[in-house]
Amino acid sequence: MAERGRSAEHWREVAKRAEALGYDTLLMPDHITSQLAPVPALAAAAAATTTLRIGSFVFDNDYRNPVMLAKEATSLDLLSSGRLEFGLGAGWNTSDYRQLGIPYDAPKIRVDRMEEALGLIKRLWTEESVTHEGTYYRVRDAVVLPKPTQHPHPPVMIGGGGPRMLRIAAREAQIVAIAPTLGANGRPKLETGTLGSVAQRIATLRRAPRFPELELNVIVFDAQVTDAAQSIVEGLAAQIKSAATTIVDTPFFMYGSRASLVEDLLARRERLGISYIALPGAAMKAFAPIVAQLRGK
């Protein structure tokens, strides 16, 4: 997960470094903060690399018209030679909504709107011309070109953790980003961030007919390797965090030695099927040996 660049050259180097260190995908969030805007940032990252996949984690459906978002996505898919992962969510960050001057509607309305938009976007990707009369969107003879480079379309990632979002993801997505409920500080709430809570949600997904087709993702909000080359202060901080997280078993924070982290990741994949880990950009270098060790396993 990367989001900030000090200059054009620095951002290109971030993408090149991720590719050189063996990471599969560079993901961009979608917020009105100091981060780079996701669409141009992903385009620049794709231009600087050859194999690194790029993805949104995740586009907030309410920020863009679905016809335009469908077109921007297929443009990214073309410019990356078919390396786009299309992540979509119903929105959660009230600060973004306030700055954009758009209503922060009740969860049901936001999810209804996202579900309708996703269906429309998929039609725009796969049909020659689309007319749609829905509850939230009305389009007539809409044409999105270019069509996706990937067929039938880029992999869809749906981010969320509630029962309804999981049902939509199980039906519509290729990648399910299992997210905790976030507090006002953007950190996961304890009751939804435990490994047990994640296991319950995955158990719900397992009942879906398409479960074997799904890839399961979790985002890691903070991560440190305790035996990586680092300052004494950083090393102590990582050890303290590692000790603290033994009290609450959670996949959303990762601290420990390389050996223990490899063991934990393999165990979670075996137990829960989680194979897609979104790390914070600051942990990229320290976790590279872990990525190398896990590749092919």
C-alpha atoms as a PDB file:
ATOM      1  CA  MET A   1       0.000   0.000   0.000  1.00  0.00           C
ATOM      2  CA  ALA A   2       1.646   3.236  -1.162  1.00  0.00           C
ATOM      3  CA  GLU A   3       0.184   6.706  -1.295  1.00  0.00           C
ATOM      4  CA  ARG A   4       2.699   9.546  -1.063  1.00  0.00           C
ATOM      5  CA  GLY A   5       5.342  10.830  -3.405  1.00  0.00           C
ATOM      6  CA  ARG A   6       7.638  13.788  -2.799  1.00  0.00           C
ATOM      7  CA  SER A   7       8.182  14.310  -6.520  1.00  0.00           C
ATOM      8  CA  ALA A   8       7.558  12.614  -9.836  1.00  0.00           C
ATOM      9  CA  GLU A   9      10.942  10.913  -9.683  1.00  0.00           C
ATOM     10  CA  HIS A  10      10.419   9.776  -6.090  1.00  0.00           C
ATOM     11  CA  TRP A  11       7.044   8.249  -6.947  1.00  0.00           C
ATOM     12  CA  ARG A  12       8.518   6.386  -9.901  1.00  0.00           C
ATOM     13  CA  GLU A  13      11.243   5.069  -7.605  1.00  0.00           C
ATOM     14  CA  VAL A  14       8.634   3.855  -5.105  1.00  0.00           C
ATOM     15  CA  ALA A  15       7.000   1.796  -7.848  1.00  0.00           C
ATOM     16  CA  LYS A  16      10.301   0.504  -9.214  1.00  0.00           C
ATOM     17  CA  ARG A  17      11.452  -0.466  -5.715  1.00  0.00           C
ATOM     18  CA  ALA A  18       8.248  -2.387  -5.042  1.00  0.00           C
ATOM     19  CA  GLU A  19       8.727  -4.333  -8.277  1.00  0.00           C
ATOM     20  CA  ALA A  20      12.444  -4.973  -7.633  1.00  0.00           C
ATOM     21  CA  LEU A  21      11.746  -6.221  -4.093  1.00  0.00           C
ATOM     22  CA  GLY A  22       9.334  -8.823  -5.399  1.00  0.00           C
ATOM     23  CA  TYR A  23       5.970  -7.344  -4.495  1.00  0.00           C
ATOM     24  CA  ASP A  24       3.074  -8.284  -6.734  1.00  0.00           C
ATOM     25  CA  THR A  25       0.841  -5.208  -6.547  1.00  0.00           C
ATOM     26  CA  LEU A  26       1.019  -1.520  -5.684  1.00  0.00           C
ATOM     27  CA  LEU A  27      -2.253  -0.336  -4.136  1.00  0.00           C
ATOM     28  CA  MET A  28      -3.524   3.214  -3.713  1.00  0.00           C
ATOM     29  CA  PRO A  29      -6.186   4.406  -1.252  1.00  0.00           C
ATOM     30  CA  ASP A  30      -8.769   7.017  -2.223  1.00  0.00           C
ATOM     31  CA  HIS A  31      -9.006   9.887   0.258  1.00  0.00           C
ATOM     32  CA  ILE A  32      -8.899  13.689   0.348  1.00  0.00           C
ATOM     33  CA  THR A  33      -5.647  13.825   2.306  1.00  0.00           C
ATOM     34  CA  SER A  34      -1.987  14.452   1.493  1.00  0.00           C
ATOM     35  CA  GLN A  35      -1.916  11.260  -0.596  1.00  0.00           C
ATOM     36  CA  LEU A  36      -1.562  11.373  -4.365  1.00  0.00           C
ATOM     37  CA  ALA A  37      -4.786  11.082  -6.362  1.00  0.00           C
ATOM     38  CA  PRO A  38      -5.128   7.384  -7.197  1.00  0.00           C
ATOM     39  CA  VAL A  39      -5.789   7.452 -10.960  1.00  0.00           C
ATOM     40  CA  PRO A  40      -2.745   9.523 -12.067  1.00  0.00           C
ATOM     41  CA  ALA A  41      -0.556   7.899  -9.399  1.00  0.00           C
ATOM     42  CA  LEU A  42      -1.427   4.408 -10.635  1.00  0.00           C
ATOM     43  CA  ALA A  43      -0.845   5.441 -14.239  1.00  0.00           C
ATOM     44  CA  ALA A  44       2.615   6.779 -13.349  1.00  0.00           C
ATOM     45  CA  ALA A  45       3.444   3.627 -11.366  1.00  0.00           C
ATOM     46  CA  ALA A  46       2.426   1.451 -14.312  1.00  0.00           C
ATOM     47  CA  ALA A  47       4.595   3.495 -16.687  1.00  0.00           C
ATOM     48  CA  ALA A  48       7.628   3.058 -14.412  1.00  0.00           C
ATOM     49  CA  THR A  49       7.302  -0.742 -14.163  1.00  0.00           C
ATOM     50  CA  THR A  50       6.740  -3.792 -16.340  1.00  0.00           C
ATOM     51  CA  THR A  51       5.307  -6.572 -14.141  1.00  0.00           C
ATOM     52  CA  LEU A  52       3.982  -4.824 -11.029  1.00  0.00           C
ATOM     53  CA  ARG A  53       0.195  -4.873 -10.843  1.00  0.00           C
ATOM     54  CA  ILE A  54      -1.616  -1.705  -9.791  1.00  0.00           C
ATOM     55  CA  GLY A  55      -4.855  -1.348  -7.893  1.00  0.00           C
ATOM     56  CA  SER A  56      -7.282   0.885  -6.038  1.00  0.00           C
ATOM     57  CA  PHE A  57      -7.757   0.104  -2.368  1.00  0.00           C
ATOM     58  CA  VAL A  58     -10.449   1.088  -2.820  1.00  0.00           C
ATOM     59  CA  PHE A  59     -12.223   3.650  -4.967  1.00  0.00           C
ATOM     60  CA  ASP A  60     -15.052   5.200  -2.960  1.00  0.00           C
ATOM     61  CA  ASN A  61     -18.087   4.739  -5.166  1.00  0.00           C
ATOM     62  CA  ASP A  62     -19.669   8.042  -4.125  1.00  0.00           C
ATOM     63  CA  TYR A  63     -16.781  10.199  -5.338  1.00  0.00           C
ATOM     64  CA  ARG A  64     -17.211   9.520  -9.065  1.00  0.00           C
ATOM     65  CA  ASN A  65     -19.890   8.946 -11.673  1.00  0.00           C
ATOM     66  CA  PRO A  66     -19.791   5.204 -12.544  1.00  0.00           C
ATOM     67  CA  VAL A  67     -19.591   5.834 -16.287  1.00  0.00           C
ATOM     68  CA  MET A  68     -16.514   8.002 -15.846  1.00  0.00           C
ATOM     69  CA  LEU A  69     -15.012   5.588 -13.304  1.00  0.00           C
ATOM     70  CA  ALA A  70     -15.538   2.687 -15.717  1.00  0.00           C
ATOM     71  CA  LYS A  71     -13.714   4.665 -18.432  1.00  0.00           C
ATOM     72  CA  GLU A  72     -10.855   5.675 -16.109  1.00  0.00           C
ATOM     73  CA  ALA A  73     -10.453   2.036 -15.058  1.00  0.00           C
ATOM     74  CA  THR A  74     -10.256   0.718 -18.614  1.00  0.00           C
ATOM     75  CA  SER A  75      -7.786   3.465 -19.491  1.00  0.00           C
ATOM     76  CA  LEU A  76      -5.613   2.349 -16.563  1.00  0.00           C
ATOM     77  CA  ASP A  77      -5.965  -1.259 -17.683  1.00  0.00           C
ATOM     78  CA  LEU A  78      -4.784  -0.299 -21.177  1.00  0.00           C
ATOM     79  CA  LEU A  79      -1.906   1.905 -19.990  1.00  0.00           C
ATOM     80  CA  SER A  80      -0.684  -0.832 -17.633  1.00  0.00           C
ATOM     81  CA  SER A  81      -0.966  -3.551 -20.330  1.00  0.00           C
ATOM     82  CA  GLY A  82      -3.606  -5.377 -18.325  1.00  0.00           C
ATOM     83  CA  ARG A  83      -2.223  -5.012 -14.805  1.00  0.00           C
ATOM     84  CA  LEU A  84      -5.154  -3.278 -13.065  1.00  0.00           C
ATOM     85  CA  GLU A  85      -7.069  -4.531 -10.034  1.00  0.00           C
ATOM     86  CA  PHE A  86     -10.301  -2.591  -9.604  1.00  0.00           C
ATOM     87  CA  GLY A  87     -11.182  -2.081  -5.944  1.00  0.00           C
ATOM     88  CA  LEU A  88     -14.527  -0.521  -5.008  1.00  0.00           C
ATOM     89  CA  GLY A  89     -16.133   0.303  -1.675  1.00  0.00           C
ATOM     90  CA  ALA A  90     -19.200   2.068  -0.320  1.00  0.00           C
ATOM     91  CA  GLY A  91     -17.225   4.769   1.540  1.00  0.00           C
ATOM     92  CA  TRP A  92     -16.555   5.386   5.209  1.00  0.00           C
ATOM     93  CA  ASN A  93     -14.380   8.465   5.711  1.00  0.00           C
ATOM     94  CA  THR A  94     -16.672  11.280   6.846  1.00  0.00           C
ATOM     95  CA  SER A  95     -13.896  13.839   6.420  1.00  0.00           C
ATOM     96  CA  ASP A  96     -13.745  13.089   2.689  1.00  0.00           C
ATOM     97  CA  TYR A  97     -17.494  13.538   2.330  1.00  0.00           C
ATOM     98  CA  ARG A  98     -17.397  16.814   4.237  1.00  0.00           C
ATOM     99  CA  GLN A  99     -14.591  18.207   2.052  1.00  0.00           C
ATOM    100  CA  LEU A 100     -16.334  17.084  -1.124  1.00  0.00           C
ATOM    101  CA  GLY A 101     -19.616  18.596   0.025  1.00  0.00           C
ATOM    102  CA  ILE A 102     -21.616  15.427  -0.626  1.00  0.00           C
ATOM    103  CA  PRO A 103     -24.047  13.718   1.749  1.00  0.00           C
ATOM    104  CA  TYR A 104     -22.762  10.919   3.963  1.00  0.00           C
ATOM    105  CA  ASP A 105     -25.857   8.764   3.675  1.00  0.00           C
ATOM    106  CA  ALA A 106     -26.881   5.849   5.867  1.00  0.00           C
ATOM    107  CA  PRO A 107     -24.933   2.604   5.303  1.00  0.00           C
ATOM    108  CA  LYS A 108     -27.826   0.924   3.488  1.00  0.00           C
ATOM    109  CA  ILE A 109     -28.064   3.743   0.946  1.00  0.00           C
ATOM    110  CA  ARG A 110     -24.316   3.858   0.337  1.00  0.00           C
ATOM    111  CA  VAL A 111     -24.165   0.082  -0.137  1.00  0.00           C
ATOM    112  CA  ASP A 112     -27.267   0.107  -2.376  1.00  0.00           C
ATOM    113  CA  ARG A 113     -25.628   2.785  -4.501  1.00  0.00           C
ATOM    114  CA  MET A 114     -22.326   0.900  -4.721  1.00  0.00           C
ATOM    115  CA  GLU A 115     -24.076  -2.329  -5.690  1.00  0.00           C
ATOM    116  CA  GLU A 116     -25.982  -0.589  -8.466  1.00  0.00           C
ATOM    117  CA  ALA A 117     -22.843   1.201  -9.672  1.00  0.00           C
ATOM    118  CA  LEU A 118     -20.808  -2.003  -9.823  1.00  0.00           C
ATOM    119  CA  GLY A 119     -23.431  -3.735 -11.913  1.00  0.00           C
ATOM    120  CA  LEU A 120     -23.508  -0.752 -14.253  1.00  0.00           C
ATOM    121  CA  ILE A 121     -19.694  -0.607 -14.487  1.00  0.00           C
ATOM    122  CA  LYS A 122     -19.477  -4.286 -15.409  1.00  0.00           C
ATOM    123  CA  ARG A 123     -22.082  -3.796 -18.137  1.00  0.00           C
ATOM    124  CA  LEU A 124     -20.174  -0.779 -19.484  1.00  0.00           C
ATOM    125  CA  TRP A 125     -17.012  -2.906 -19.633  1.00  0.00           C
ATOM    126  CA  THR A 126     -18.606  -5.833 -21.430  1.00  0.00           C
ATOM    127  CA  GLU A 127     -21.473  -4.430 -23.528  1.00  0.00           C
ATOM    128  CA  GLU A 128     -21.237  -2.238 -26.605  1.00  0.00           C
ATOM    129  CA  SER A 129     -23.788   0.327 -25.387  1.00  0.00           C
ATOM    130  CA  VAL A 130     -25.644   0.586 -22.078  1.00  0.00           C
ATOM    131  CA  THR A 131     -28.944   2.171 -21.114  1.00  0.00           C
ATOM    132  CA  HIS A 132     -29.736   1.962 -17.411  1.00  0.00           C
ATOM    133  CA  GLU A 133     -32.635   3.246 -15.350  1.00  0.00           C
ATOM    134  CA  GLY A 134     -31.926   2.543 -11.704  1.00  0.00           C
ATOM    135  CA  THR A 135     -32.646   3.985  -8.293  1.00  0.00           C
ATOM    136  CA  TYR A 136     -29.466   6.083  -8.208  1.00  0.00           C
ATOM    137  CA  TYR A 137     -28.103   6.127 -11.756  1.00  0.00           C
ATOM    138  CA  ARG A 138     -29.728   6.788 -15.123  1.00  0.00           C
ATOM    139  CA  VAL A 139     -27.673   6.610 -18.297  1.00  0.00           C
ATOM    140  CA  ARG A 140     -28.697   6.366 -21.926  1.00  0.00           C
ATOM    141  CA  ASP A 141     -26.664   4.838 -24.747  1.00  0.00           C
ATOM    142  CA  ALA A 142     -23.473   5.044 -22.705  1.00  0.00           C
ATOM    143  CA  VAL A 143     -20.350   3.721 -24.421  1.00  0.00           C
ATOM    144  CA  VAL A 144     -17.071   3.128 -22.591  1.00  0.00           C
ATOM    145  CA  LEU A 145     -13.954   2.863 -24.731  1.00  0.00           C
ATOM    146  CA  PRO A 146     -11.379   1.467 -24.628  1.00  0.00           C
ATOM    147  CA  LYS A 147     -12.788  -1.859 -23.515  1.00  0.00           C
ATOM    148  CA  PRO A 148     -10.801  -3.647 -20.782  1.00  0.00           C
ATOM    149  CA  THR A 149      -7.468  -5.147 -21.767  1.00  0.00           C
ATOM    150  CA  GLN A 150      -8.119  -8.007 -19.341  1.00  0.00           C
ATOM    151  CA  HIS A 151     -11.009 -10.293 -20.200  1.00  0.00           C
ATOM    152  CA  PRO A 152     -13.787 -10.119 -19.406  1.00  0.00           C
ATOM    153  CA  HIS A 153     -12.633  -7.227 -17.197  1.00  0.00           C
ATOM    154  CA  PRO A 154     -10.045  -6.387 -14.506  1.00  0.00           C
ATOM    155  CA  PRO A 155     -10.301  -8.399 -11.280  1.00  0.00           C
ATOM    156  CA  VAL A 156     -12.803  -6.715  -8.975  1.00  0.00           C
ATOM    157  CA  MET A 157     -11.930  -6.213  -5.327  1.00  0.00           C
ATOM    158  CA  ILE A 158     -14.729  -5.309  -2.938  1.00  0.00           C
ATOM    159  CA  GLY A 159     -13.717  -3.861   0.398  1.00  0.00           C
ATOM    160  CA  GLY A 160     -15.900  -4.234   3.453  1.00  0.00           C
ATOM    161  CA  GLY A 161     -16.698  -6.354   6.458  1.00  0.00           C
ATOM    162  CA  GLY A 162     -20.439  -6.243   7.063  1.00  0.00           C
ATOM    163  CA  PRO A 163     -22.701  -9.193   6.196  1.00  0.00           C
ATOM    164  CA  ARG A 164     -24.270  -7.510   3.174  1.00  0.00           C
ATOM    165  CA  MET A 165     -20.954  -6.332   1.719  1.00  0.00           C
ATOM    166  CA  LEU A 166     -19.640  -9.871   2.087  1.00  0.00           C
ATOM    167  CA  ARG A 167     -22.660 -11.244   0.237  1.00  0.00           C
ATOM    168  CA  ILE A 168     -22.123  -8.748  -2.599  1.00  0.00           C
ATOM    169  CA  ALA A 169     -18.402  -9.567  -2.703  1.00  0.00           C
ATOM    170  CA  ALA A 170     -19.081 -13.315  -2.798  1.00  0.00           C
ATOM    171  CA  ARG A 171     -21.374 -12.782  -5.773  1.00  0.00           C
ATOM    172  CA  GLU A 172     -19.518 -10.077  -7.734  1.00  0.00           C
ATOM    173  CA  ALA A 173     -15.820  -9.931  -6.804  1.00  0.00           C
ATOM    174  CA  GLN A 174     -12.675 -11.870  -7.540  1.00  0.00           C
ATOM    175  CA  ILE A 175     -10.902 -10.442  -4.474  1.00  0.00           C
ATOM    176  CA  VAL A 176     -12.562  -9.859  -1.109  1.00  0.00           C
ATOM    177  CA  ALA A 177     -10.841  -7.288   1.111  1.00  0.00           C
ATOM    178  CA  ILE A 178     -11.983  -8.220   4.604  1.00  0.00           C
ATOM    179  CA  ALA A 179     -11.921  -4.994   6.573  1.00  0.00           C
ATOM    180  CA  PRO A 180     -12.570  -4.202  10.213  1.00  0.00           C
ATOM    181  CA  THR A 181     -14.904  -1.434  11.310  1.00  0.00           C
ATOM    182  CA  LEU A 182     -12.809   1.712  11.563  1.00  0.00           C
ATOM    183  CA  GLY A 183     -13.018   4.345  14.253  1.00  0.00           C
ATOM    184  CA  ALA A 184     -12.789   8.106  13.758  1.00  0.00           C
ATOM    185  CA  ASN A 185      -8.974   7.809  13.881  1.00  0.00           C
ATOM    186  CA  GLY A 186      -8.968   5.376  10.964  1.00  0.00           C
ATOM    187  CA  ARG A 187      -7.886   2.498  13.188  1.00  0.00           C
ATOM    188  CA  PRO A 188      -9.804  -0.789  13.442  1.00  0.00           C
ATOM    189  CA  LYS A 189     -12.230  -1.220  16.316  1.00  0.00           C
ATOM    190  CA  LEU A 190     -11.071  -4.001  18.594  1.00  0.00           C
ATOM    191  CA  GLU A 191     -14.176  -6.166  18.381  1.00  0.00           C
ATOM    192  CA  THR A 192     -14.025  -6.354  14.566  1.00  0.00           C
ATOM    193  CA  GLY A 193     -10.234  -6.554  14.305  1.00  0.00           C
ATOM    194  CA  THR A 194      -9.599  -9.886  16.015  1.00  0.00           C
ATOM    195  CA  LEU A 195      -8.631 -13.024  14.175  1.00  0.00           C
ATOM    196  CA  GLY A 196     -11.780 -14.666  15.534  1.00  0.00           C
ATOM    197  CA  SER A 197     -13.975 -11.958  14.018  1.00  0.00           C
ATOM    198  CA  VAL A 198     -12.230 -12.343  10.649  1.00  0.00           C
ATOM    199  CA  ALA A 199     -12.658 -16.125  10.840  1.00  0.00           C
ATOM    200  CA  GLN A 200     -16.403 -15.690  11.388  1.00  0.00           C
ATOM    201  CA  ARG A 201     -16.707 -13.508   8.286  1.00  0.00           C
ATOM    202  CA  ILE A 202     -14.693 -15.952   6.205  1.00  0.00           C
ATOM    203  CA  ALA A 203     -16.980 -18.742   7.427  1.00  0.00           C
ATOM    204  CA  THR A 204     -19.874 -16.728   5.984  1.00  0.00           C
ATOM    205  CA  LEU A 205     -18.051 -16.430   2.660  1.00  0.00           C
ATOM    206  CA  ARG A 206     -17.378 -20.167   2.577  1.00  0.00           C
ATOM    207  CA  ARG A 207     -21.108 -20.794   2.219  1.00  0.00           C
ATOM    208  CA  ALA A 208     -21.148 -18.935  -1.089  1.00  0.00           C
ATOM    209  CA  PRO A 209     -21.104 -21.087  -4.272  1.00  0.00           C
ATOM    210  CA  ARG A 210     -18.268 -18.981  -5.711  1.00  0.00           C
ATOM    211  CA  PHE A 211     -15.997 -19.255  -2.665  1.00  0.00           C
ATOM    212  CA  PRO A 212     -13.347 -21.379  -4.451  1.00  0.00           C
ATOM    213  CA  GLU A 213     -12.952 -18.549  -6.988  1.00  0.00           C
ATOM    214  CA  LEU A 214     -12.328 -15.841  -4.365  1.00  0.00           C
ATOM    215  CA  GLU A 215      -8.989 -14.490  -3.178  1.00  0.00           C
ATOM    216  CA  LEU A 216      -9.050 -13.229   0.410  1.00  0.00           C
ATOM    217  CA  ASN A 217      -7.259 -10.014   1.347  1.00  0.00           C
ATOM    218  CA  VAL A 218      -6.554  -8.177   4.586  1.00  0.00           C
ATOM    219  CA  ILE A 219      -4.975  -4.755   4.992  1.00  0.00           C
ATOM    220  CA  VAL A 220      -2.195  -4.387   7.570  1.00  0.00           C
ATOM    221  CA  PHE A 221      -2.326  -0.969   9.228  1.00  0.00           C
ATOM    222  CA  ASP A 222       1.101  -1.162  10.847  1.00  0.00           C
ATOM    223  CA  ALA A 223       3.933  -3.674  10.518  1.00  0.00           C
ATOM    224  CA  GLN A 224       7.498  -4.025  11.742  1.00  0.00           C
ATOM    225  CA  VAL A 225      10.118  -6.750  11.631  1.00  0.00           C
ATOM    226  CA  THR A 226      11.910  -6.984  14.962  1.00  0.00           C
ATOM    227  CA  ASP A 227      15.096  -8.558  13.592  1.00  0.00           C
ATOM    228  CA  ALA A 228      15.451  -6.234  10.599  1.00  0.00           C
ATOM    229  CA  ALA A 229      18.346  -3.805  10.444  1.00  0.00           C
ATOM    230  CA  GLN A 230      17.060  -0.787  12.352  1.00  0.00           C
ATOM    231  CA  SER A 231      17.850   1.722  15.066  1.00  0.00           C
ATOM    232  CA  ILE A 232      17.694   0.739  18.732  1.00  0.00           C
ATOM    233  CA  VAL A 233      14.592   2.898  19.201  1.00  0.00           C
ATOM    234  CA  GLU A 234      12.812   1.283  16.241  1.00  0.00           C
ATOM    235  CA  GLY A 235      13.813  -2.172  17.426  1.00  0.00           C
ATOM    236  CA  LEU A 236      12.480  -1.566  20.924  1.00  0.00           C
ATOM    237  CA  ALA A 237       9.252  -0.092  19.558  1.00  0.00           C
ATOM    238  CA  ALA A 238       8.692  -3.133  17.359  1.00  0.00           C
ATOM    239  CA  GLN A 239       9.315  -5.507  20.264  1.00  0.00           C
ATOM    240  CA  ILE A 240       6.895  -3.613  22.485  1.00  0.00           C
ATOM    241  CA  LYS A 241       4.219  -3.666  19.771  1.00  0.00           C
ATOM    242  CA  SER A 242       4.843  -7.369  19.186  1.00  0.00           C
ATOM    243  CA  ALA A 243       4.341  -8.076  22.877  1.00  0.00           C
ATOM    244  CA  ALA A 244       1.180  -5.956  22.972  1.00  0.00           C
ATOM    245  CA  THR A 245      -0.441  -7.694  20.013  1.00  0.00           C
ATOM    246  CA  THR A 246      -0.042 -11.108  21.613  1.00  0.00           C
ATOM    247  CA  ILE A 247      -2.908 -10.010  23.868  1.00  0.00           C
ATOM    248  CA  VAL A 248      -5.213  -9.483  20.867  1.00  0.00           C
ATOM    249  CA  ASP A 249      -4.659 -11.861  17.957  1.00  0.00           C
ATOM    250  CA  THR A 250      -5.305  -9.735  14.888  1.00  0.00           C
ATOM    251  CA  PRO A 251      -4.327  -9.948  11.201  1.00  0.00           C
ATOM    252  CA  PHE A 252      -4.467  -6.155  10.830  1.00  0.00           C
ATOM    253  CA  PHE A 253      -1.175  -5.503  12.675  1.00  0.00           C
ATOM    254  CA  MET A 254       2.015  -7.505  12.160  1.00  0.00           C
ATOM    255  CA  TYR A 255       5.053  -7.379  14.422  1.00  0.00           C
ATOM    256  CA  GLY A 256       7.699 -10.015  15.016  1.00  0.00           C
ATOM    257  CA  SER A 257      10.795 -11.714  13.672  1.00  0.00           C
ATOM    258  CA  ARG A 258      11.045 -12.814  10.092  1.00  0.00           C
ATOM    259  CA  ALA A 259      10.660 -16.434  11.107  1.00  0.00           C
ATOM    260  CA  SER A 260       7.598 -15.794  13.269  1.00  0.00           C
ATOM    261  CA  LEU A 261       5.919 -13.642  10.619  1.00  0.00           C
ATOM    262  CA  VAL A 262       6.451 -16.268   7.916  1.00  0.00           C
ATOM    263  CA  GLU A 263       5.025 -18.891  10.266  1.00  0.00           C
ATOM    264  CA  ASP A 264       1.999 -16.714  11.099  1.00  0.00           C
ATOM    265  CA  LEU A 265       1.244 -15.906   7.458  1.00  0.00           C
ATOM    266  CA  LEU A 266       1.449 -19.552   6.390  1.00  0.00           C
ATOM    267  CA  ALA A 267      -0.730 -20.617   9.325  1.00  0.00           C
ATOM    268  CA  ARG A 268      -3.393 -18.011   8.511  1.00  0.00           C
ATOM    269  CA  ARG A 269      -3.438 -19.047   4.886  1.00  0.00           C
ATOM    270  CA  GLU A 270      -3.818 -22.682   5.901  1.00  0.00           C
ATOM    271  CA  ARG A 271      -6.522 -21.969   8.487  1.00  0.00           C
ATOM    272  CA  LEU A 272      -8.453 -19.127   6.848  1.00  0.00           C
ATOM    273  CA  GLY A 273      -7.401 -18.989   3.207  1.00  0.00           C
ATOM    274  CA  ILE A 274      -5.950 -15.455   3.453  1.00  0.00           C
ATOM    275  CA  SER A 275      -3.337 -15.186   0.700  1.00  0.00           C
ATOM    276  CA  TYR A 276      -3.306 -11.464  -0.176  1.00  0.00           C
ATOM    277  CA  ILE A 277      -1.714  -9.138   2.376  1.00  0.00           C
ATOM    278  CA  ALA A 278      -1.710  -5.358   1.843  1.00  0.00           C
ATOM    279  CA  LEU A 279       1.265  -3.944   3.748  1.00  0.00           C
ATOM    280  CA  PRO A 280       1.888  -0.261   4.540  1.00  0.00           C
ATOM    281  CA  GLY A 281       4.454   1.343   2.257  1.00  0.00           C
ATOM    282  CA  ALA A 282       6.775   2.085   5.176  1.00  0.00           C
ATOM    283  CA  ALA A 283       7.222  -1.667   5.734  1.00  0.00           C
ATOM    284  CA  MET A 284       8.163  -2.427   2.119  1.00  0.00           C
ATOM    285  CA  LYS A 285      11.912  -2.807   2.586  1.00  0.00           C
ATOM    286  CA  ALA A 286      11.815  -4.665   5.907  1.00  0.00           C
ATOM    287  CA  PHE A 287       9.284  -7.225   4.657  1.00  0.00           C
ATOM    288  CA  ALA A 288      11.043  -7.897   1.320  1.00  0.00           C
ATOM    289  CA  PRO A 289      12.957 -10.943   2.677  1.00  0.00           C
ATOM    290  CA  ILE A 290       9.649 -12.347   3.966  1.00  0.00           C
ATOM    291  CA  VAL A 291       8.079 -11.850   0.537  1.00  0.00           C
ATOM    292  CA  ALA A 292      11.038 -13.644  -1.041  1.00  0.00           C
ATOM    293  CA  GLN A 293      10.803 -16.512   1.438  1.00  0.00           C
ATOM    294  CA  LEU A 294       7.064 -16.982   0.860  1.00  0.00           C
ATOM    295  CA  ARG A 295       7.185 -16.800  -2.931  1.00  0.00           C
ATOM    296  CA  GLY A 296       6.199 -20.086  -4.456  1.00  0.00           C
ATOM    297  CA  LYS A 297       4.923 -21.556  -1.194  1.00  0.00           C
END
